[in-house]
Amino acid sequence: MRYTPKRRGRFIDTRISVDTGGDWKAHTGTLPKGCAVVGTVTLGESDTGALVRLAGSKNYVKVNGGKIAMLNQQKISTALQMAQRPSFAPEMVSVEEWERSQPPRTDEAEERQRTGYAGGMGAVGAGFSPSPLMPIPQKLSG
């Protein structure tokens, strides 16, 4: 999965892209001893290399052509966390299939659809019955 945070540095663009499934072998033929390869990392638009976590310090570095470059650990950690999140991609179905998957309608729901009455605190006679604890208004004589 690929994630690119859209933060900018104070003076230059410091965009970091992480691709945990990237082809890191295309960027280096040598690796630090005992390291863990994570994927690829791209700084800016085109500075791409293998994203590696060093064994001793646990720091993330970019390895490109056998050269090691230190990376901003906070940005790499954030990018990796975002890359590991599952993406929200719901399965799409036809309207007909969706309607077939819905529970059958109840008589009450059909009555609301037919009459347009949505329930709630309506007037007396429109589906509203006062509570036995509720005072019934008295007609004022006058």
Protein backbone atom coordinates (compact mmCIF):
# COMPACT_ATOMS: atom_id res chain seq x y z
CA MET A 1 0.00 0.00 0.00
CA ARG A 2 1.20 3.53 -0.71
CA TYR A 3 0.77 6.64 1.43
CA THR A 4 2.02 10.16 0.81
CA PRO A 5 1.54 12.72 3.58
CA LYS A 6 0.81 16.20 2.26
CA ARG A 7 2.91 18.23 4.65
CA ARG A 8 5.33 20.88 3.52
CA GLY A 9 8.44 22.02 5.29
CA ARG A 10 9.10 25.62 6.14
CA PHE A 11 11.29 26.29 3.10
CA ILE A 12 11.21 23.22 0.85
CA ASP A 13 8.76 20.47 -0.05
CA THR A 14 9.49 17.56 2.31
CA ARG A 15 6.97 15.10 0.92
CA ILE A 16 7.71 11.49 1.82
CA SER A 17 6.01 8.58 0.05
CA VAL A 18 6.20 5.06 1.44
CA ASP A 19 5.33 1.96 -0.59
CA THR A 20 5.50 -1.18 1.56
CA GLY A 21 5.15 -3.35 -1.54
CA GLY A 22 7.66 -1.39 -3.62
CA ASP A 23 10.46 -2.98 -5.67
CA TRP A 24 13.36 -2.12 -3.37
CA LYS A 25 15.77 -4.39 -5.28
CA ALA A 26 15.67 -1.96 -8.20
CA HIS A 27 17.36 0.70 -6.04
CA THR A 28 20.24 -1.13 -4.36
CA GLY A 29 22.36 -4.22 -4.65
CA THR A 30 23.71 -4.05 -1.09
CA LEU A 31 22.09 -3.69 2.32
CA PRO A 32 23.35 -3.05 5.85
CA LYS A 33 24.00 -6.28 7.73
CA GLY A 34 21.08 -7.43 9.90
CA CYS A 35 18.63 -4.83 8.60
CA ALA A 36 14.94 -5.31 7.82
CA VAL A 37 13.69 -4.22 4.40
CA VAL A 38 10.32 -2.45 4.62
CA GLY A 39 9.70 -1.36 1.01
CA THR A 40 10.56 1.80 -0.90
CA VAL A 41 10.60 5.45 0.09
CA THR A 42 10.47 8.50 -2.18
CA LEU A 43 11.58 11.94 -1.05
CA GLY A 44 10.05 14.77 -3.03
CA GLU A 45 9.21 13.74 -6.59
CA SER A 46 11.95 11.37 -7.72
CA ASP A 47 14.51 10.53 -5.00
CA THR A 48 13.53 6.88 -4.45
CA GLY A 49 15.39 4.15 -2.59
CA ALA A 50 14.93 1.07 -0.46
CA LEU A 51 13.33 1.77 2.92
CA VAL A 52 15.34 -0.14 5.52
CA ARG A 53 15.19 -0.38 9.32
CA LEU A 54 18.62 -0.73 10.90
CA ALA A 55 19.14 -3.57 13.36
CA GLY A 56 20.99 -1.72 16.12
CA SER A 57 19.37 1.70 16.30
CA LYS A 58 15.99 0.71 14.79
CA ASN A 59 16.18 3.89 12.69
CA TYR A 60 14.68 3.99 9.20
CA VAL A 61 17.08 4.87 6.38
CA LYS A 62 16.95 5.15 2.60
CA VAL A 63 19.45 2.93 0.77
CA ASN A 64 20.14 3.82 -2.85
CA GLY A 65 23.06 2.35 -4.77
CA GLY A 66 24.73 1.21 -1.55
CA LYS A 67 24.58 4.69 0.03
CA ILE A 68 22.65 5.25 3.25
CA ALA A 69 20.66 8.42 3.94
CA MET A 70 19.02 9.13 7.30
CA LEU A 71 15.31 9.91 7.21
CA ASN A 72 12.99 11.96 9.39
CA GLN A 73 11.89 9.22 11.80
CA GLN A 74 8.63 10.95 12.77
CA LYS A 75 7.49 11.33 9.16
CA ILE A 76 8.46 7.78 8.24
CA SER A 77 6.62 6.37 11.27
CA THR A 78 3.50 8.35 10.38
CA ALA A 79 3.67 7.31 6.73
CA LEU A 80 4.09 3.65 7.70
CA GLN A 81 1.15 3.78 10.10
CA MET A 82 -1.04 5.28 7.40
CA ALA A 83 0.16 2.74 4.81
CA GLN A 84 -0.80 -0.13 7.11
CA ARG A 85 -4.38 1.06 7.63
CA PRO A 86 -6.96 -0.89 5.67
CA SER A 87 -8.47 1.13 2.90
CA PHE A 88 -12.22 1.66 2.79
CA ALA A 89 -13.33 0.11 -0.46
CA PRO A 90 -16.88 -1.17 -0.12
CA GLU A 91 -18.17 -3.88 -2.41
CA MET A 92 -20.60 -2.43 -4.95
CA VAL A 93 -23.85 -4.24 -5.81
CA SER A 94 -26.72 -3.49 -8.17
CA VAL A 95 -29.82 -1.76 -6.81
CA GLU A 96 -31.84 -4.92 -7.44
CA GLU A 97 -29.38 -7.04 -5.44
CA TRP A 98 -29.38 -4.46 -2.63
CA GLU A 99 -33.21 -4.48 -2.50
CA ARG A 100 -33.23 -8.29 -2.32
CA SER A 101 -30.84 -8.16 0.65
CA GLN A 102 -33.08 -5.81 2.68
CA PRO A 103 -35.37 -7.25 5.38
CA PRO A 104 -39.05 -7.48 4.45
CA ARG A 105 -41.10 -4.41 5.20
CA THR A 106 -43.39 -4.42 8.21
CA ASP A 107 -47.03 -3.35 8.09
CA GLU A 108 -46.13 -0.28 10.16
CA ALA A 109 -43.44 0.79 7.69
CA GLU A 110 -45.83 0.28 4.75
CA GLU A 111 -48.51 2.34 6.53
CA ARG A 112 -46.03 5.19 7.14
CA GLN A 113 -45.01 5.13 3.49
CA ARG A 114 -48.64 5.07 2.29
CA THR A 115 -49.89 7.87 4.57
CA GLY A 116 -46.73 9.93 4.82
CA TYR A 117 -46.99 9.90 8.63
CA ALA A 118 -43.51 9.68 10.16
CA GLY A 119 -44.59 9.30 13.81
CA GLY A 120 -43.38 11.47 16.64
CA MET A 121 -45.34 13.86 18.81
CA GLY A 122 -48.18 14.61 16.44
CA ALA A 123 -51.62 15.95 17.24
CA VAL A 124 -54.25 13.88 19.07
CA GLY A 125 -55.87 11.56 16.58
CA ALA A 126 -52.76 11.30 14.40
CA GLY A 127 -51.21 8.35 16.20
CA PHE A 128 -50.68 10.23 19.49
CA SER A 129 -52.12 8.85 22.69
CA PRO A 130 -51.58 10.82 25.88
CA SER A 131 -49.87 9.17 28.83
CA PRO A 132 -52.11 8.39 31.83
CA LEU A 133 -49.79 10.67 33.83
CA MET A 134 -50.20 13.55 31.40
CA PRO A 135 -52.88 16.06 32.41
CA ILE A 136 -55.65 16.38 29.87
CA PRO A 137 -56.35 20.01 29.00
CA GLN A 138 -59.72 21.21 30.28
CA LYS A 139 -61.98 23.40 28.23
CA LEU A 140 -62.03 26.87 29.65
CA SER A 141 -65.44 28.34 30.23
CA GLY A 142 -65.75 31.87 29.72
